Amino acid sequence: MQTQAQQFAARIASRPPQALRFAKRLLKAARRLDLPDFLDLCAVFQGICHKTRDHLEAVEALLAKRPAQFQGR
């Protein structure tokens, strides 16, 4: 069980940090916002993420068929 938890934590830690922060904020917001406001917030966060260096790295890594190296930018 410990190994599975460590593997899961490592998998999360390897993801783009800003996208993870936004995902966490969206999970919290889902409890208090109605659907249209929630979807607006999703669109705002997605727009911000698409302008990051990590997004460009994700696309480049996908096209090069290599693991992405996220830096939180």
Protein backbone atom coordinates (compact mmCIF):
# COMPACT_ATOMS: atom_id res chain seq x y z
CA MET A 1 0.00 0.00 0.00
CA GLN A 2 2.83 2.43 0.85
CA THR A 3 4.46 1.85 -2.52
CA GLN A 4 1.20 2.54 -4.35
CA ALA A 5 0.72 5.76 -2.40
CA GLN A 6 4.28 6.84 -3.17
CA GLN A 7 3.81 6.06 -6.85
CA PHE A 8 0.57 8.04 -6.92
CA ALA A 9 2.23 10.99 -5.15
CA ALA A 10 5.14 10.90 -7.59
CA ARG A 11 2.73 10.86 -10.51
CA ILE A 12 0.91 13.93 -9.20
CA ALA A 13 4.20 15.70 -8.45
CA SER A 14 5.32 15.21 -12.05
CA ARG A 15 2.38 17.22 -13.40
CA PRO A 16 2.46 20.96 -14.17
CA PRO A 17 2.18 22.77 -10.81
CA GLN A 18 0.01 25.66 -11.97
CA ALA A 19 -2.51 23.32 -13.57
CA LEU A 20 -2.66 21.31 -10.35
CA ARG A 21 -3.26 24.47 -8.31
CA PHE A 22 -6.10 25.43 -10.62
CA ALA A 23 -7.59 21.93 -10.47
CA LYS A 24 -7.59 22.09 -6.68
CA ARG A 25 -9.25 25.51 -6.75
CA LEU A 26 -11.87 24.21 -9.20
CA LEU A 27 -12.68 21.27 -6.93
CA LYS A 28 -13.30 23.67 -4.07
CA ALA A 29 -15.26 26.10 -6.26
CA ALA A 30 -17.54 23.35 -7.56
CA ARG A 31 -19.22 23.18 -4.15
CA ARG A 32 -20.17 26.86 -4.05
CA LEU A 33 -20.69 27.97 -7.67
CA ASP A 34 -23.59 27.31 -9.97
CA LEU A 35 -22.79 25.58 -13.26
CA PRO A 36 -22.49 28.66 -15.52
CA ASP A 37 -20.13 30.40 -13.07
CA PHE A 38 -18.13 27.21 -12.61
CA LEU A 39 -17.74 26.78 -16.37
CA ASP A 40 -16.66 30.42 -16.69
CA LEU A 41 -13.98 29.82 -14.06
CA CYS A 42 -12.84 26.68 -15.90
CA ALA A 43 -12.49 28.70 -19.10
CA VAL A 44 -10.46 31.39 -17.33
CA PHE A 45 -8.09 28.86 -15.79
CA GLN A 46 -7.74 26.97 -19.06
CA GLY A 47 -6.88 30.20 -20.88
CA ILE A 48 -4.19 30.98 -18.31
CA CYS A 49 -2.74 27.47 -18.52
CA HIS A 50 -2.59 27.59 -22.32
CA LYS A 51 -0.26 30.59 -22.10
CA THR A 52 2.30 28.92 -19.84
CA ARG A 53 5.68 27.51 -20.72
CA ASP A 54 4.55 24.20 -19.20
CA HIS A 55 1.74 23.95 -21.76
CA LEU A 56 4.22 24.48 -24.59
CA GLU A 57 6.47 21.85 -23.01
CA ALA A 58 3.54 19.41 -22.85
CA VAL A 59 2.77 19.87 -26.54
CA GLU A 60 6.42 19.59 -27.56
CA ALA A 61 6.87 16.47 -25.44
CA LEU A 62 3.75 14.88 -26.92
CA LEU A 63 4.91 15.54 -30.47
CA ALA A 64 8.42 14.29 -29.68
CA LYS A 65 6.97 11.24 -27.86
CA ARG A 66 8.99 11.92 -24.73
CA PRO A 67 8.08 12.62 -21.10
CA ALA A 68 7.40 16.28 -20.35
CA GLN A 69 9.68 18.16 -17.97
CA PHE A 70 7.47 20.72 -16.21
CA GLN A 71 9.04 23.67 -14.43
CA GLY A 72 6.06 25.55 -13.05
CA ARG A 73 6.20 28.37 -15.59
